[in-house]
C-alpha atoms as a PDB file:
ATOM      1  CA  MET A   1       9.836 -26.910  13.183  1.00  0.00           C
ATOM      2  CA  THR A   2       7.550 -23.948  13.489  1.00  0.00           C
ATOM      3  CA  HIS A   3       4.661 -22.849  11.015  1.00  0.00           C
ATOM      4  CA  PRO A   4       3.859 -19.417  11.479  1.00  0.00           C
ATOM      5  CA  ILE A   5       0.240 -17.929  11.088  1.00  0.00           C
ATOM      6  CA  PRO A   6      -0.212 -14.409   9.696  1.00  0.00           C
ATOM      7  CA  PRO A   7       0.219 -11.476  12.341  1.00  0.00           C
ATOM      8  CA  GLY A   8      -3.103 -10.547  14.030  1.00  0.00           C
ATOM      9  CA  THR A   9      -4.559 -14.205  13.776  1.00  0.00           C
ATOM     10  CA  ARG A  10      -4.637 -16.923  16.273  1.00  0.00           C
ATOM     11  CA  ASP A  11      -5.669 -20.501  16.536  1.00  0.00           C
ATOM     12  CA  VAL A  12      -8.520 -21.355  19.058  1.00  0.00           C
ATOM     13  CA  LEU A  13      -8.218 -24.699  20.759  1.00  0.00           C
ATOM     14  CA  PRO A  14     -11.199 -26.759  21.875  1.00  0.00           C
ATOM     15  CA  GLU A  15     -11.655 -25.650  25.448  1.00  0.00           C
ATOM     16  CA  GLU A  16     -11.692 -21.840  24.593  1.00  0.00           C
ATOM     17  CA  MET A  17     -13.710 -22.720  21.573  1.00  0.00           C
ATOM     18  CA  ARG A  18     -16.489 -24.088  23.691  1.00  0.00           C
ATOM     19  CA  GLU A  19     -16.452 -21.035  25.937  1.00  0.00           C
ATOM     20  CA  LEU A  20     -16.662 -18.801  22.998  1.00  0.00           C
ATOM     21  CA  ARG A  21     -19.649 -20.833  21.574  1.00  0.00           C
ATOM     22  CA  ALA A  22     -21.294 -20.574  25.029  1.00  0.00           C
ATOM     23  CA  ILE A  23     -20.969 -16.700  25.085  1.00  0.00           C
ATOM     24  CA  GLY A  24     -22.207 -16.474  21.255  1.00  0.00           C
ATOM     25  CA  GLY A  25     -25.095 -18.769  22.076  1.00  0.00           C
ATOM     26  CA  ARG A  26     -26.298 -16.528  25.040  1.00  0.00           C
ATOM     27  CA  MET A  27     -26.051 -13.465  23.102  1.00  0.00           C
ATOM     28  CA  ARG A  28     -27.773 -14.858  20.280  1.00  0.00           C
ATOM     29  CA  GLN A  29     -30.623 -15.885  22.451  1.00  0.00           C
ATOM     30  CA  ALA A  30     -30.899 -12.467  23.942  1.00  0.00           C
ATOM     31  CA  PHE A  31     -30.960 -10.859  20.561  1.00  0.00           C
ATOM     32  CA  GLU A  32     -33.601 -13.385  19.313  1.00  0.00           C
ATOM     33  CA  GLU A  33     -35.803 -12.977  22.417  1.00  0.00           C
ATOM     34  CA  ALA A  34     -35.691  -9.184  21.490  1.00  0.00           C
ATOM     35  CA  GLY A  35     -36.941  -9.770  18.019  1.00  0.00           C
ATOM     36  CA  TYR A  36     -33.716  -9.401  16.223  1.00  0.00           C
ATOM     37  CA  GLY A  37     -33.511 -11.876  13.404  1.00  0.00           C
ATOM     38  CA  GLU A  38     -29.995 -13.419  12.501  1.00  0.00           C
ATOM     39  CA  VAL A  39     -28.560 -12.715   9.210  1.00  0.00           C
ATOM     40  CA  HIS A  40     -25.465 -14.105   7.454  1.00  0.00           C
ATOM     41  CA  THR A  41     -23.462 -12.328   4.708  1.00  0.00           C
ATOM     42  CA  PRO A  42     -20.814 -13.470   2.320  1.00  0.00           C
ATOM     43  CA  ALA A  43     -17.201 -13.015   3.776  1.00  0.00           C
ATOM     44  CA  LEU A  44     -16.181 -11.484   0.334  1.00  0.00           C
ATOM     45  CA  GLU A  45     -18.033  -8.551  -0.897  1.00  0.00           C
ATOM     46  CA  TYR A  46     -17.235  -6.435  -4.182  1.00  0.00           C
ATOM     47  CA  GLU A  47     -14.891  -3.751  -2.985  1.00  0.00           C
ATOM     48  CA  GLU A  48     -17.002  -1.045  -4.663  1.00  0.00           C
ATOM     49  CA  VAL A  49     -19.787  -1.999  -2.241  1.00  0.00           C
ATOM     50  CA  LEU A  50     -17.646  -1.554   0.753  1.00  0.00           C
ATOM     51  CA  LEU A  51     -16.403   1.625  -0.557  1.00  0.00           C
ATOM     52  CA  ARG A  52     -19.743   3.035  -1.180  1.00  0.00           C
ATOM     53  CA  GLY A  53     -20.471   2.478   2.501  1.00  0.00           C
ATOM     54  CA  ASP A  54     -17.196   3.995   3.709  1.00  0.00           C
ATOM     55  CA  GLU A  55     -14.578   5.280   1.372  1.00  0.00           C
ATOM     56  CA  ARG A  56     -12.232   6.205   3.957  1.00  0.00           C
ATOM     57  CA  ALA A  57     -11.801   2.708   5.011  1.00  0.00           C
ATOM     58  CA  ALA A  58     -10.222   1.649   1.592  1.00  0.00           C
ATOM     59  CA  GLY A  59      -6.753   0.857   3.052  1.00  0.00           C
ATOM     60  CA  ALA A  60      -8.064  -1.241   5.846  1.00  0.00           C
ATOM     61  CA  ARG A  61      -9.365  -4.294   3.750  1.00  0.00           C
ATOM     62  CA  TYR A  62      -7.798  -7.574   2.283  1.00  0.00           C
ATOM     63  CA  ARG A  63      -8.328  -7.655  -1.419  1.00  0.00           C
ATOM     64  CA  SER A  64      -8.537 -10.258  -4.043  1.00  0.00           C
ATOM     65  CA  PHE A  65      -9.881 -10.896  -7.651  1.00  0.00           C
ATOM     66  CA  ASP A  66     -12.590 -13.092  -9.203  1.00  0.00           C
ATOM     67  CA  ASP A  67     -12.198 -14.895 -12.417  1.00  0.00           C
ATOM     68  CA  GLN A  68     -13.724 -11.667 -14.136  1.00  0.00           C
ATOM     69  CA  GLY A  69     -11.148  -9.311 -12.734  1.00  0.00           C
ATOM     70  CA  ALA A  70     -13.536  -7.685 -10.386  1.00  0.00           C
ATOM     71  CA  VAL A  71     -11.951  -6.477  -6.965  1.00  0.00           C
ATOM     72  CA  LEU A  72     -13.218  -8.514  -4.034  1.00  0.00           C
ATOM     73  CA  ALA A  73     -12.531  -7.611  -0.249  1.00  0.00           C
ATOM     74  CA  LEU A  74     -13.031  -9.411   2.985  1.00  0.00           C
ATOM     75  CA  ARG A  75     -15.589  -7.494   5.087  1.00  0.00           C
ATOM     76  CA  SER A  76     -14.441  -5.201   7.685  1.00  0.00           C
ATOM     77  CA  ASP A  77     -17.593  -5.093   9.646  1.00  0.00           C
ATOM     78  CA  MET A  78     -21.150  -6.343   9.333  1.00  0.00           C
ATOM     79  CA  THR A  79     -22.979  -2.992   9.136  1.00  0.00           C
ATOM     80  CA  ILE A  80     -22.192  -2.230   5.451  1.00  0.00           C
ATOM     81  CA  PRO A  81     -23.252  -5.635   4.139  1.00  0.00           C
ATOM     82  CA  ILE A  82     -26.331  -5.373   6.215  1.00  0.00           C
ATOM     83  CA  ALA A  83     -27.145  -1.932   4.822  1.00  0.00           C
ATOM     84  CA  ARG A  84     -26.828  -3.346   1.435  1.00  0.00           C
ATOM     85  CA  VAL A  85     -29.217  -6.281   2.222  1.00  0.00           C
ATOM     86  CA  VAL A  86     -31.812  -3.722   3.727  1.00  0.00           C
ATOM     87  CA  ALA A  87     -31.824  -1.841   0.445  1.00  0.00           C
ATOM     88  CA  THR A  88     -32.045  -4.603  -1.910  1.00  0.00           C
ATOM     89  CA  ARG A  89     -33.654  -7.520  -0.079  1.00  0.00           C
ATOM     90  CA  TYR A  90     -35.923  -5.599   2.105  1.00  0.00           C
ATOM     91  CA  ALA A  91     -36.664  -2.729  -0.471  1.00  0.00           C
ATOM     92  CA  GLU A  92     -40.312  -2.804   0.130  1.00  0.00           C
ATOM     93  CA  ALA A  93     -40.456  -4.058   3.761  1.00  0.00           C
ATOM     94  CA  GLU A  94     -42.149  -1.672   6.290  1.00  0.00           C
ATOM     95  CA  PRO A  95     -39.676  -0.652   8.989  1.00  0.00           C
ATOM     96  CA  PRO A  96     -38.741  -1.176  11.707  1.00  0.00           C
ATOM     97  CA  LEU A  97     -36.206  -4.021  10.766  1.00  0.00           C
ATOM     98  CA  ARG A  98     -34.253  -5.701  13.389  1.00  0.00           C
ATOM     99  CA  PHE A  99     -31.153  -7.855  12.477  1.00  0.00           C
ATOM    100  CA  SER A 100     -28.550  -9.653  14.527  1.00  0.00           C
ATOM    101  CA  TYR A 101     -25.305 -11.641  13.605  1.00  0.00           C
ATOM    102  CA  LEU A 102     -22.370 -13.645  14.843  1.00  0.00           C
ATOM    103  CA  ALA A 103     -19.683 -13.485  12.230  1.00  0.00           C
ATOM    104  CA  HIS A 104     -16.220 -12.842  11.510  1.00  0.00           C
ATOM    105  CA  ALA A 105     -14.727  -9.756  10.175  1.00  0.00           C
ATOM    106  CA  TRP A 106     -11.187  -8.663   8.814  1.00  0.00           C
ATOM    107  CA  ARG A 107      -9.206  -5.577   9.305  1.00  0.00           C
ATOM    108  CA  ALA A 108      -5.581  -4.831   7.971  1.00  0.00           C
ATOM    109  CA  THR A 109      -3.553  -3.200  10.741  1.00  0.00           C
ATOM    110  CA  ASP A 110       0.022  -1.885  10.934  1.00  0.00           C
ATOM    111  CA  ARG A 111       2.668  -4.444  11.996  1.00  0.00           C
ATOM    112  CA  GLY A 112       3.446  -4.422  15.639  1.00  0.00           C
ATOM    113  CA  VAL A 113       0.325  -2.735  16.939  1.00  0.00           C
ATOM    114  CA  GLY A 114      -0.723  -5.935  18.652  1.00  0.00           C
ATOM    115  CA  GLU A 115      -4.353  -5.441  17.209  1.00  0.00           C
ATOM    116  CA  PRO A 116      -6.045  -8.504  15.804  1.00  0.00           C
ATOM    117  CA  ARG A 117      -6.775  -8.699  11.945  1.00  0.00           C
ATOM    118  CA  GLU A 118      -9.476 -11.402  12.188  1.00  0.00           C
ATOM    119  CA  PHE A 119     -12.124 -11.090  15.025  1.00  0.00           C
ATOM    120  CA  LEU A 120     -15.666 -12.601  15.825  1.00  0.00           C
ATOM    121  CA  GLN A 121     -18.357  -9.919  16.304  1.00  0.00           C
ATOM    122  CA  ALA A 122     -21.875 -10.415  17.910  1.00  0.00           C
ATOM    123  CA  GLY A 123     -24.077  -7.588  17.012  1.00  0.00           C
ATOM    124  CA  ILE A 124     -27.300  -5.838  16.228  1.00  0.00           C
ATOM    125  CA  GLU A 125     -28.828  -3.367  13.709  1.00  0.00           C
ATOM    126  CA  LEU A 126     -32.007  -1.513  14.227  1.00  0.00           C
ATOM    127  CA  ILE A 127     -33.376   0.061  11.057  1.00  0.00           C
ATOM    128  CA  GLY A 128     -36.021   2.473  10.744  1.00  0.00           C
ATOM    129  CA  VAL A 129     -36.354   3.869  14.307  1.00  0.00           C
ATOM    130  CA  PRO A 130     -34.936   7.315  14.469  1.00  0.00           C
ATOM    131  CA  GLY A 131     -33.336   9.473  17.239  1.00  0.00           C
ATOM    132  CA  ALA A 132     -33.035   8.585  20.968  1.00  0.00           C
ATOM    133  CA  GLU A 133     -35.668   5.801  20.930  1.00  0.00           C
ATOM    134  CA  GLY A 134     -33.702   3.698  18.529  1.00  0.00           C
ATOM    135  CA  GLU A 135     -30.379   4.466  20.343  1.00  0.00           C
ATOM    136  CA  ALA A 136     -31.944   3.493  23.801  1.00  0.00           C
ATOM    137  CA  GLU A 137     -33.254   0.149  22.390  1.00  0.00           C
ATOM    138  CA  VAL A 138     -29.719  -0.623  21.055  1.00  0.00           C
ATOM    139  CA  VAL A 139     -27.839   0.361  24.425  1.00  0.00           C
ATOM    140  CA  ALA A 140     -30.380  -1.633  26.562  1.00  0.00           C
ATOM    141  CA  LEU A 141     -30.045  -4.716  24.527  1.00  0.00           C
ATOM    142  CA  THR A 142     -26.288  -4.648  24.549  1.00  0.00           C
ATOM    143  CA  VAL A 143     -26.385  -4.395  28.145  1.00  0.00           C
ATOM    144  CA  ALA A 144     -28.862  -7.320  28.495  1.00  0.00           C
ATOM    145  CA  ALA A 145     -26.817  -9.398  26.299  1.00  0.00           C
ATOM    146  CA  LEU A 146     -23.624  -8.919  28.411  1.00  0.00           C
ATOM    147  CA  ASP A 147     -25.751  -9.630  31.442  1.00  0.00           C
ATOM    148  CA  ALA A 148     -26.597 -12.802  29.753  1.00  0.00           C
ATOM    149  CA  VAL A 149     -23.125 -13.936  29.311  1.00  0.00           C
ATOM    150  CA  GLY A 150     -22.267 -13.235  33.156  1.00  0.00           C
ATOM    151  CA  LEU A 151     -20.570  -9.831  32.923  1.00  0.00           C
ATOM    152  CA  ARG A 152     -21.463  -7.403  35.711  1.00  0.00           C
ATOM    153  CA  ARG A 153     -19.202  -4.477  35.609  1.00  0.00           C
ATOM    154  CA  HIS A 154     -19.772  -3.351  31.989  1.00  0.00           C
ATOM    155  CA  ARG A 155     -20.693   0.078  31.099  1.00  0.00           C
ATOM    156  CA  VAL A 156     -21.635   1.622  27.723  1.00  0.00           C
ATOM    157  CA  GLY A 157     -19.893   4.945  26.777  1.00  0.00           C
ATOM    158  CA  VAL A 158     -22.174   7.303  24.891  1.00  0.00           C
ATOM    159  CA  GLY A 159     -21.078  10.416  22.860  1.00  0.00           C
ATOM    160  CA  ASP A 160     -22.029  12.447  19.914  1.00  0.00           C
ATOM    161  CA  GLY A 161     -19.927  11.670  16.909  1.00  0.00           C
ATOM    162  CA  ALA A 162     -20.994  15.055  15.117  1.00  0.00           C
ATOM    163  CA  LEU A 163     -20.641  17.229  18.076  1.00  0.00           C
ATOM    164  CA  TYR A 164     -16.941  18.163  17.861  1.00  0.00           C
ATOM    165  CA  ARG A 165     -17.226  18.636  14.021  1.00  0.00           C
ATOM    166  CA  ASP A 166     -20.314  20.773  14.274  1.00  0.00           C
ATOM    167  CA  ILE A 167     -18.703  23.142  16.815  1.00  0.00           C
ATOM    168  CA  LEU A 168     -15.451  23.441  14.609  1.00  0.00           C
ATOM    169  CA  THR A 169     -17.770  24.550  11.785  1.00  0.00           C
ATOM    170  CA  SER A 170     -19.829  26.893  13.880  1.00  0.00           C
ATOM    171  CA  PHE A 171     -16.376  28.450  14.848  1.00  0.00           C
ATOM    172  CA  GLY A 172     -15.442  28.981  11.292  1.00  0.00           C
ATOM    173  CA  VAL A 173     -12.652  26.564  11.252  1.00  0.00           C
ATOM    174  CA  ALA A 174     -11.843  25.331   7.766  1.00  0.00           C
ATOM    175  CA  GLU A 175     -13.010  21.705   7.061  1.00  0.00           C
ATOM    176  CA  GLU A 176      -9.674  20.528   5.917  1.00  0.00           C
ATOM    177  CA  ALA A 177      -8.380  21.477   9.556  1.00  0.00           C
ATOM    178  CA  HIS A 178     -10.873  19.164  11.100  1.00  0.00           C
ATOM    179  CA  LEU A 179      -9.386  15.642  10.264  1.00  0.00           C
ATOM    180  CA  PRO A 180      -6.145  16.205  12.467  1.00  0.00           C
ATOM    181  CA  LEU A 181      -8.334  17.537  15.321  1.00  0.00           C
ATOM    182  CA  LEU A 182     -10.669  14.555  15.088  1.00  0.00           C
ATOM    183  CA  GLU A 183      -7.810  12.066  14.652  1.00  0.00           C
ATOM    184  CA  ALA A 184      -6.198  13.164  17.803  1.00  0.00           C
ATOM    185  CA  LEU A 185      -9.606  13.063  19.489  1.00  0.00           C
ATOM    186  CA  SER A 186     -10.129   9.375  18.487  1.00  0.00           C
ATOM    187  CA  ARG A 187      -6.689   8.465  19.938  1.00  0.00           C
ATOM    188  CA  ARG A 188      -7.486  10.284  23.133  1.00  0.00           C
ATOM    189  CA  ASP A 189      -4.419  12.348  22.673  1.00  0.00           C
ATOM    190  CA  LEU A 190      -5.595  15.313  24.515  1.00  0.00           C
ATOM    191  CA  VAL A 191      -2.160  16.879  24.723  1.00  0.00           C
ATOM    192  CA  GLY A 192      -1.792  16.839  20.924  1.00  0.00           C
ATOM    193  CA  LEU A 193      -5.381  18.135  20.590  1.00  0.00           C
ATOM    194  CA  GLU A 194      -4.671  21.047  22.771  1.00  0.00           C
ATOM    195  CA  GLY A 195      -1.625  21.953  20.644  1.00  0.00           C
ATOM    196  CA  GLN A 196      -3.672  21.693  17.425  1.00  0.00           C
ATOM    197  CA  VAL A 197      -6.500  23.846  19.003  1.00  0.00           C
ATOM    198  CA  ASP A 198      -3.886  26.525  19.972  1.00  0.00           C
ATOM    199  CA  ALA A 199      -2.598  26.602  16.296  1.00  0.00           C
ATOM    200  CA  LEU A 200      -6.102  27.637  15.088  1.00  0.00           C
ATOM    201  CA  ARG A 201      -5.661  30.939  17.215  1.00  0.00           C
ATOM    202  CA  LEU A 202      -9.367  31.216  18.109  1.00  0.00           C
ATOM    203  CA  GLU A 203     -10.762  33.579  20.763  1.00  0.00           C
ATOM    204  CA  PRO A 204     -10.131  32.362  24.386  1.00  0.00           C
ATOM    205  CA  GLU A 205     -13.681  31.201  25.110  1.00  0.00           C
ATOM    206  CA  LYS A 206     -13.724  29.177  21.907  1.00  0.00           C
ATOM    207  CA  ARG A 207     -10.406  27.725  22.382  1.00  0.00           C
ATOM    208  CA  ASP A 208     -11.181  26.775  25.986  1.00  0.00           C
ATOM    209  CA  LEU A 209     -14.218  25.141  24.871  1.00  0.00           C
ATOM    210  CA  LEU A 210     -12.574  22.882  22.314  1.00  0.00           C
ATOM    211  CA  VAL A 211     -10.139  21.881  24.907  1.00  0.00           C
ATOM    212  CA  ARG A 212     -12.568  21.223  27.847  1.00  0.00           C
ATOM    213  CA  LEU A 213     -15.370  19.568  26.025  1.00  0.00           C
ATOM    214  CA  PRO A 214     -13.384  16.213  25.304  1.00  0.00           C
ATOM    215  CA  GLN A 215     -12.567  15.921  29.061  1.00  0.00           C
ATOM    216  CA  LEU A 216     -16.222  15.749  30.191  1.00  0.00           C
ATOM    217  CA  ARG A 217     -17.115  12.217  30.979  1.00  0.00           C
ATOM    218  CA  GLY A 218     -19.591  10.790  33.619  1.00  0.00           C
ATOM    219  CA  SER A 219     -23.115  10.605  34.459  1.00  0.00           C
ATOM    220  CA  ALA A 220     -25.731  12.741  32.771  1.00  0.00           C
ATOM    221  CA  ASP A 221     -24.603  15.762  34.982  1.00  0.00           C
ATOM    222  CA  VAL A 222     -21.742  16.431  32.463  1.00  0.00           C
ATOM    223  CA  LEU A 223     -24.259  17.327  29.860  1.00  0.00           C
ATOM    224  CA  GLY A 224     -25.425  20.303  31.743  1.00  0.00           C
ATOM    225  CA  ASP A 225     -26.840  23.013  29.610  1.00  0.00           C
ATOM    226  CA  THR A 226     -24.215  22.933  26.910  1.00  0.00           C
ATOM    227  CA  PRO A 227     -25.526  23.768  23.607  1.00  0.00           C
ATOM    228  CA  GLY A 228     -26.015  21.057  20.906  1.00  0.00           C
ATOM    229  CA  LEU A 229     -26.470  18.221  23.489  1.00  0.00           C
ATOM    230  CA  GLU A 230     -30.220  18.012  23.374  1.00  0.00           C
ATOM    231  CA  GLY A 231     -30.141  14.603  21.572  1.00  0.00           C
ATOM    232  CA  LEU A 232     -27.967  13.079  24.576  1.00  0.00           C
ATOM    233  CA  ARG A 233     -30.373  14.569  27.124  1.00  0.00           C
ATOM    234  CA  THR A 234     -33.241  12.882  25.505  1.00  0.00           C
ATOM    235  CA  LEU A 235     -31.353   9.670  25.024  1.00  0.00           C
ATOM    236  CA  ASN A 236     -30.612   9.806  28.748  1.00  0.00           C
ATOM    237  CA  GLU A 237     -34.370  10.086  29.485  1.00  0.00           C
ATOM    238  CA  ARG A 238     -35.177   7.114  27.328  1.00  0.00           C
ATOM    239  CA  LEU A 239     -32.394   5.167  29.128  1.00  0.00           C
ATOM    240  CA  GLU A 240     -33.837   5.981  32.408  1.00  0.00           C
ATOM    241  CA  GLN A 241     -37.262   4.594  31.249  1.00  0.00           C
ATOM    242  CA  ARG A 242     -35.553   1.369  30.215  1.00  0.00           C
ATOM    243  CA  GLY A 243     -33.904   1.066  33.633  1.00  0.00           C
ATOM    244  CA  VAL A 244     -30.198   1.294  32.254  1.00  0.00           C
ATOM    245  CA  ALA A 245     -29.097   4.890  32.682  1.00  0.00           C
ATOM    246  CA  ASP A 246     -26.854   3.832  35.403  1.00  0.00           C
ATOM    247  CA  ARG A 247     -24.908   1.600  33.049  1.00  0.00           C
ATOM    248  CA  VAL A 248     -24.115   4.446  30.849  1.00  0.00           C
ATOM    249  CA  ILE A 249     -21.182   6.879  30.798  1.00  0.00           C
ATOM    250  CA  PHE A 250     -21.605   9.924  28.738  1.00  0.00           C
ATOM    251  CA  ASP A 251     -18.323  10.873  27.057  1.00  0.00           C
ATOM    252  CA  LEU A 252     -18.260  14.287  25.219  1.00  0.00           C
ATOM    253  CA  GLY A 253     -14.926  13.363  23.701  1.00  0.00           C
ATOM    254  CA  LEU A 254     -16.011  10.082  22.306  1.00  0.00           C
ATOM    255  CA  VAL A 255     -15.843   9.709  18.416  1.00  0.00           C
ATOM    256  CA  ARG A 256     -15.554   6.706  16.245  1.00  0.00           C
ATOM    257  CA  GLU A 257     -13.201   6.116  13.281  1.00  0.00           C
ATOM    258  CA  LEU A 258     -15.664   4.669  10.626  1.00  0.00           C
ATOM    259  CA  GLY A 259     -16.863   7.427   8.479  1.00  0.00           C
ATOM    260  CA  TYR A 260     -20.688   6.696   8.361  1.00  0.00           C
ATOM    261  CA  TYR A 261     -21.735   7.711  11.882  1.00  0.00           C
ATOM    262  CA  THR A 262     -24.068  10.623  11.894  1.00  0.00           C
ATOM    263  CA  GLY A 263     -24.960  11.092  15.532  1.00  0.00           C
ATOM    264  CA  SER A 264     -24.741   9.141  18.952  1.00  0.00           C
ATOM    265  CA  VAL A 265     -21.746   6.734  19.069  1.00  0.00           C
ATOM    266  CA  PHE A 266     -21.055   4.107  21.618  1.00  0.00           C
ATOM    267  CA  GLU A 267     -18.261   2.199  23.011  1.00  0.00           C
ATOM    268  CA  VAL A 268     -18.489  -0.768  25.597  1.00  0.00           C
ATOM    269  CA  TYR A 269     -15.992  -0.892  28.576  1.00  0.00           C
ATOM    270  CA  ASP A 270     -15.337  -3.309  31.398  1.00  0.00           C
ATOM    271  CA  PRO A 271     -12.994  -1.946  34.144  1.00  0.00           C
ATOM    272  CA  ALA A 272     -11.831  -5.450  34.645  1.00  0.00           C
ATOM    273  CA  VAL A 273      -9.782  -5.129  31.401  1.00  0.00           C
ATOM    274  CA  GLY A 274      -8.046  -2.286  29.735  1.00  0.00           C
ATOM    275  CA  PHE A 275      -9.655  -2.390  26.259  1.00  0.00           C
ATOM    276  CA  THR A 276     -13.089  -1.564  24.636  1.00  0.00           C
ATOM    277  CA  LEU A 277     -15.283  -4.671  24.192  1.00  0.00           C
ATOM    278  CA  GLY A 278     -17.123  -3.210  21.197  1.00  0.00           C
ATOM    279  CA  GLY A 279     -18.737  -0.277  19.752  1.00  0.00           C
ATOM    280  CA  GLY A 280     -21.168   1.244  17.357  1.00  0.00           C
ATOM    281  CA  GLY A 281     -23.661   4.201  16.787  1.00  0.00           C
ATOM    282  CA  ARG A 282     -26.078   5.920  14.622  1.00  0.00           C
ATOM    283  CA  TYR A 283     -25.764   5.857  10.788  1.00  0.00           C
ATOM    284  CA  ASP A 284     -28.689   7.496   9.213  1.00  0.00           C
ATOM    285  CA  GLU A 285     -27.161   8.081   5.817  1.00  0.00           C
ATOM    286  CA  LEU A 286     -25.616   4.766   5.156  1.00  0.00           C
ATOM    287  CA  ILE A 287     -28.421   2.734   3.767  1.00  0.00           C
ATOM    288  CA  GLY A 288     -29.320   5.620   1.483  1.00  0.00           C
ATOM    289  CA  ARG A 289     -26.104   5.188  -0.185  1.00  0.00           C
ATOM    290  CA  PHE A 290     -27.454   1.934  -1.385  1.00  0.00           C
ATOM    291  CA  GLY A 291     -30.757   3.106  -2.492  1.00  0.00           C
ATOM    292  CA  ARG A 292     -33.105   3.146   0.455  1.00  0.00           C
ATOM    293  CA  ASP A 293     -33.080   6.065   2.910  1.00  0.00           C
ATOM    294  CA  LEU A 294     -33.634   4.821   6.486  1.00  0.00           C
ATOM    295  CA  PRO A 295     -32.428   5.966   9.856  1.00  0.00           C
ATOM    296  CA  ALA A 296     -30.408   3.120  11.580  1.00  0.00           C
ATOM    297  CA  CYS A 297     -28.597   2.410  14.574  1.00  0.00           C
ATOM    298  CA  GLY A 298     -26.096  -0.550  15.559  1.00  0.00           C
ATOM    299  CA  LEU A 299     -23.514  -1.833  17.993  1.00  0.00           C
ATOM    300  CA  ALA A 300     -21.138  -4.776  17.609  1.00  0.00           C
ATOM    301  CA  LEU A 301     -19.225  -6.688  20.430  1.00  0.00           C
ATOM    302  CA  ASP A 302     -15.838  -8.497  20.118  1.00  0.00           C
ATOM    303  CA  VAL A 303     -16.712 -12.068  21.444  1.00  0.00           C
ATOM    304  CA  GLN A 304     -13.110 -12.786  22.220  1.00  0.00           C
ATOM    305  CA  ARG A 305     -12.536  -9.738  24.072  1.00  0.00           C
ATOM    306  CA  VAL A 306     -16.075 -10.469  26.028  1.00  0.00           C
ATOM    307  CA  HIS A 307     -14.370 -13.681  26.793  1.00  0.00           C
ATOM    308  CA  LEU A 308     -11.279 -12.085  28.302  1.00  0.00           C
ATOM    309  CA  ALA A 309     -13.530  -9.686  30.347  1.00  0.00           C
ATOM    310  CA  GLN A 310     -15.387 -12.634  31.699  1.00  0.00           C
ATOM    311  CA  ALA A 311     -12.360 -14.397  32.755  1.00  0.00           C
ATOM    312  CA  ALA A 312     -10.841 -11.137  34.338  1.00  0.00           C
ATOM    313  CA  GLU A 313     -14.035 -10.608  36.309  1.00  0.00           C
ATOM    314  CA  GLU A 314     -13.982 -14.114  37.617  1.00  0.00           C
ATOM    315  CA  ALA A 315     -10.392 -13.600  38.787  1.00  0.00           C
ATOM    316  CA  LEU A 316     -11.479 -10.507  40.521  1.00  0.00           C
ATOM    317  CA  GLY A 317     -14.279 -12.237  42.163  1.00  0.00           C
END
């Protein structure tokens, strides 16, 4: 007799659980030593709170009702709950504020796509440090945390989540035409993107920039003198000062799906596996939606994916 579990979930048995706890413990220690205090928030939030953080993610949540009829939802990440905490529990606290977490989150996915619906995240949120200085701190600590669990091949992809949208606006492309282009970009569908750009019927030099820019990926050399990349060039300088610039890949086609990112965005890779280990970015407007206007930046790692990368690296020697 079989007793199935919901798609996208899994049982974790003792041996793997011990290894996951060890990974989480080393990350927690790295975060704590860097001055990031661990927080915990309810798994269930009022849906209106989560929608205030990112209204475009309404379809990605599991919903329920309390005894008063209010709609509840399982959190799909920790960033929005921490933004709520900062605006309410730290309304008078002097920034910067540094928080870490090791917590589960849930996201609904289409059947058959093979994506997890429940996952364990380890992450950090840096509140009140604007610009490249804050972003460099988050990237450097992420690298250090992965070093602490024994990974050696990991790299952090860095892009500008607003870059492509800003270029489209400067070219006079109507805002309603942005979303299909950005969705193709987030899927890395460069062929589809090129077809959509061609349909805009722009001047050749504008068309070529929109097609070429997402293909630029590598060291800081790819930044060149392209207009609009001053923030990434400054970030590279800060990463060099922290000694982690060689662990970063600049990716001008990188965007993130969540709707609250306002600047630099991150993805974490390990060539030993074929999937990302985590991601994040700058979200300077999110906390203001809850009543306190503060710049912020963060990054979350999928602990189970880090575990798979750890095993893959060991297998490769």
